[in-house]
Amino acid sequence: MRREGGRQGTVVQISVSRGGVPKLPVPQARLSSDGVEGDRQSDRRHHGGPDRAVCIYSLELIEALRCEGHPIAPGSAGENLTVSGLDWDSIAPGVRLTVGDALLEIVSFTVPCKTIRASFADGRFERISQKTNPGWSRVYARVLSAGEARMGDAVEITEG
């Protein structure tokens, strides 16, 4: 699937929770190697940690999934940053992004789990599995340089 986008986009939503989903919007948060300020994970074995400090997803993909009939919304699939305007096909491990004052590096594609099933018609959360549907996955990033991120901030591909 060809998607429009470029090397620069926008932070549409920053989302956090005390554990689990959905993650709810906050106007700003500090991004650090410890994760997103105010965000907690119920399952630290599979979520969080320095290489999974920030989960990022594309608003354009969320909108496309909604057109397929899935009740997904920003934050409901567990992402911390919902971004718009990036060429999502170029977002892969090794790519670096500036987000507000922070510098992030994409480390991996996320593996969807049953905790996000309410965001998908008939609970089919595998719809965003990189393994079965390449290009539809969320991504995990590590924070190389901590900083503040705000809704409306620019997101820019700096390397990759």
Protein backbone atom coordinates (compact mmCIF):
# COMPACT_ATOMS: atom_id res chain seq x y z
CA MET A 1 0.00 0.00 0.00
CA ARG A 2 1.41 3.39 -0.96
CA ARG A 3 0.90 6.11 1.60
CA GLU A 4 1.52 9.80 1.30
CA GLY A 5 3.89 11.47 3.69
CA GLY A 6 7.31 12.95 4.00
CA ARG A 7 10.29 13.44 6.25
CA GLN A 8 8.47 15.88 8.51
CA GLY A 9 5.22 15.46 10.40
CA THR A 10 3.41 16.54 13.54
CA VAL A 11 2.68 15.15 16.99
CA VAL A 12 -1.10 14.74 16.95
CA GLN A 13 -1.45 13.20 20.40
CA ILE A 14 0.72 12.25 23.38
CA SER A 15 -0.86 9.41 25.37
CA VAL A 16 -0.14 7.91 28.78
CA SER A 17 -1.79 5.55 31.27
CA ARG A 18 -1.23 4.13 34.72
CA GLY A 19 -0.97 0.74 33.03
CA GLY A 20 -2.87 -0.82 30.16
CA VAL A 21 -5.00 0.68 27.42
CA PRO A 22 -6.38 2.95 26.32
CA LYS A 23 -3.70 5.51 26.91
CA LEU A 24 -5.22 8.96 27.34
CA PRO A 25 -4.10 12.31 25.92
CA VAL A 26 -1.88 14.77 27.74
CA PRO A 27 -0.77 18.13 26.29
CA GLN A 28 2.94 17.48 26.83
CA ALA A 29 5.38 15.03 28.40
CA ARG A 30 9.09 14.57 28.94
CA LEU A 31 10.61 11.77 26.86
CA SER A 32 13.60 10.03 28.43
CA SER A 33 15.30 6.64 28.49
CA ASP A 34 12.87 5.81 31.32
CA GLY A 35 9.95 6.36 28.92
CA VAL A 36 7.20 8.93 28.65
CA GLU A 37 6.58 10.97 31.78
CA GLY A 38 3.36 9.82 33.46
CA ASP A 39 3.17 6.52 31.56
CA ARG A 40 3.29 3.10 33.19
CA GLN A 41 3.13 -0.41 31.77
CA SER A 42 1.28 -3.29 33.42
CA ASP A 43 3.57 -5.87 31.78
CA ARG A 44 7.20 -4.71 32.07
CA ARG A 45 8.43 -7.98 30.57
CA HIS A 46 7.01 -7.05 27.14
CA HIS A 47 6.66 -3.26 27.40
CA GLY A 48 8.83 -0.39 28.57
CA GLY A 49 12.54 -0.28 29.25
CA PRO A 50 15.20 1.70 27.40
CA ASP A 51 14.68 0.02 24.00
CA ARG A 52 10.88 0.34 24.27
CA ALA A 53 10.75 3.75 25.95
CA VAL A 54 8.30 5.28 23.45
CA CYS A 55 5.67 3.58 21.28
CA ILE A 56 4.80 5.52 18.11
CA TYR A 57 1.98 5.11 15.58
CA SER A 58 0.64 6.87 12.51
CA LEU A 59 -2.65 8.78 12.48
CA GLU A 60 -3.02 7.98 8.77
CA LEU A 61 -2.92 4.24 9.55
CA ILE A 62 -5.41 4.69 12.39
CA GLU A 63 -7.75 6.47 9.96
CA ALA A 64 -7.31 3.73 7.34
CA LEU A 65 -8.07 1.07 9.96
CA ARG A 66 -11.20 2.99 11.00
CA CYS A 67 -12.30 2.94 7.34
CA GLU A 68 -11.97 -0.86 7.49
CA GLY A 69 -14.42 -0.85 10.42
CA HIS A 70 -12.01 -1.08 13.34
CA PRO A 71 -12.91 1.05 16.42
CA ILE A 72 -9.29 2.18 16.90
CA ALA A 73 -8.45 5.72 18.05
CA PRO A 74 -5.26 7.54 19.01
CA GLY A 75 -3.90 5.94 22.20
CA SER A 76 -6.24 2.95 22.11
CA ALA A 77 -3.58 0.64 20.66
CA GLY A 78 -1.15 1.63 23.41
CA GLU A 79 0.98 4.11 21.52
CA ASN A 80 2.49 7.08 23.35
CA LEU A 81 2.91 9.30 20.29
CA THR A 82 0.41 9.48 17.48
CA VAL A 83 2.02 11.29 14.57
CA SER A 84 0.78 12.56 11.24
CA GLY A 85 2.47 13.46 7.97
CA LEU A 86 5.43 11.05 8.00
CA ASP A 87 6.16 8.54 5.26
CA TRP A 88 5.35 5.57 7.52
CA ASP A 89 6.94 3.13 5.07
CA SER A 90 10.30 4.73 5.93
CA ILE A 91 9.82 4.34 9.70
CA ALA A 92 11.90 1.28 10.56
CA PRO A 93 14.64 0.20 12.96
CA GLY A 94 17.65 2.51 12.74
CA VAL A 95 15.69 5.61 11.72
CA ARG A 96 16.14 8.62 13.98
CA LEU A 97 13.44 11.15 14.70
CA THR A 98 13.44 14.52 16.39
CA VAL A 99 10.27 14.99 18.42
CA GLY A 100 10.06 18.35 20.12
CA ASP A 101 13.35 18.69 22.03
CA ALA A 102 14.03 14.93 22.05
CA LEU A 103 16.00 12.68 19.71
CA LEU A 104 14.63 9.14 19.28
CA GLU A 105 15.86 6.08 17.41
CA ILE A 106 13.46 3.43 16.16
CA VAL A 107 14.55 0.09 17.64
CA SER A 108 11.86 -2.39 16.59
CA PHE A 109 8.39 -3.01 15.28
CA THR A 110 5.96 -3.81 18.07
CA VAL A 111 4.29 -7.18 18.45
CA PRO A 112 0.57 -6.61 19.03
CA CYS A 113 -1.03 -8.39 21.97
CA LYS A 114 -4.53 -9.19 23.13
CA THR A 115 -4.69 -6.14 25.43
CA ILE A 116 -5.47 -3.99 22.36
CA ARG A 117 -8.15 -6.30 20.92
CA ALA A 118 -10.97 -3.83 21.75
CA SER A 119 -9.50 -1.53 19.06
CA PHE A 120 -10.16 -4.09 16.34
CA ALA A 121 -13.29 -5.54 14.75
CA ASP A 122 -13.82 -9.06 16.07
CA GLY A 123 -10.74 -8.55 18.28
CA ARG A 124 -8.38 -9.08 15.31
CA PHE A 125 -5.41 -7.21 16.81
CA GLU A 126 -3.04 -9.13 14.49
CA ARG A 127 -4.15 -6.64 11.82
CA ILE A 128 -1.22 -4.44 12.87
CA SER A 129 1.39 -7.21 13.03
CA GLN A 130 4.51 -6.43 11.01
CA LYS A 131 4.91 -10.14 10.37
CA THR A 132 1.51 -10.62 8.72
CA ASN A 133 0.80 -7.06 7.48
CA PRO A 134 4.12 -5.30 6.81
CA GLY A 135 3.92 -1.52 7.08
CA TRP A 136 0.98 -1.48 9.53
CA SER A 137 2.89 -1.94 12.78
CA ARG A 138 3.53 0.51 15.59
CA VAL A 139 7.20 1.01 16.45
CA TYR A 140 9.26 1.19 19.62
CA ALA A 141 11.94 3.84 20.05
CA ARG A 142 14.76 4.49 22.47
CA VAL A 143 15.45 8.04 23.60
CA LEU A 144 18.95 9.17 22.61
CA SER A 145 18.51 12.71 23.92
CA ALA A 146 15.77 13.47 26.45
CA GLY A 147 13.43 16.38 25.94
CA GLU A 148 9.89 17.77 26.07
CA ALA A 149 7.29 16.86 23.49
CA ARG A 150 4.05 18.77 23.01
CA MET A 151 0.98 18.22 20.90
CA GLY A 152 1.57 20.07 17.64
CA ASP A 153 5.37 19.73 17.77
CA ALA A 154 7.24 18.85 14.60
CA VAL A 155 8.45 15.29 14.10
CA GLU A 156 11.30 14.98 11.64
CA ILE A 157 13.22 12.06 10.19
CA THR A 158 16.83 13.06 10.79
CA GLU A 159 18.63 9.86 9.74
CA GLY A 160 17.79 6.53 8.26
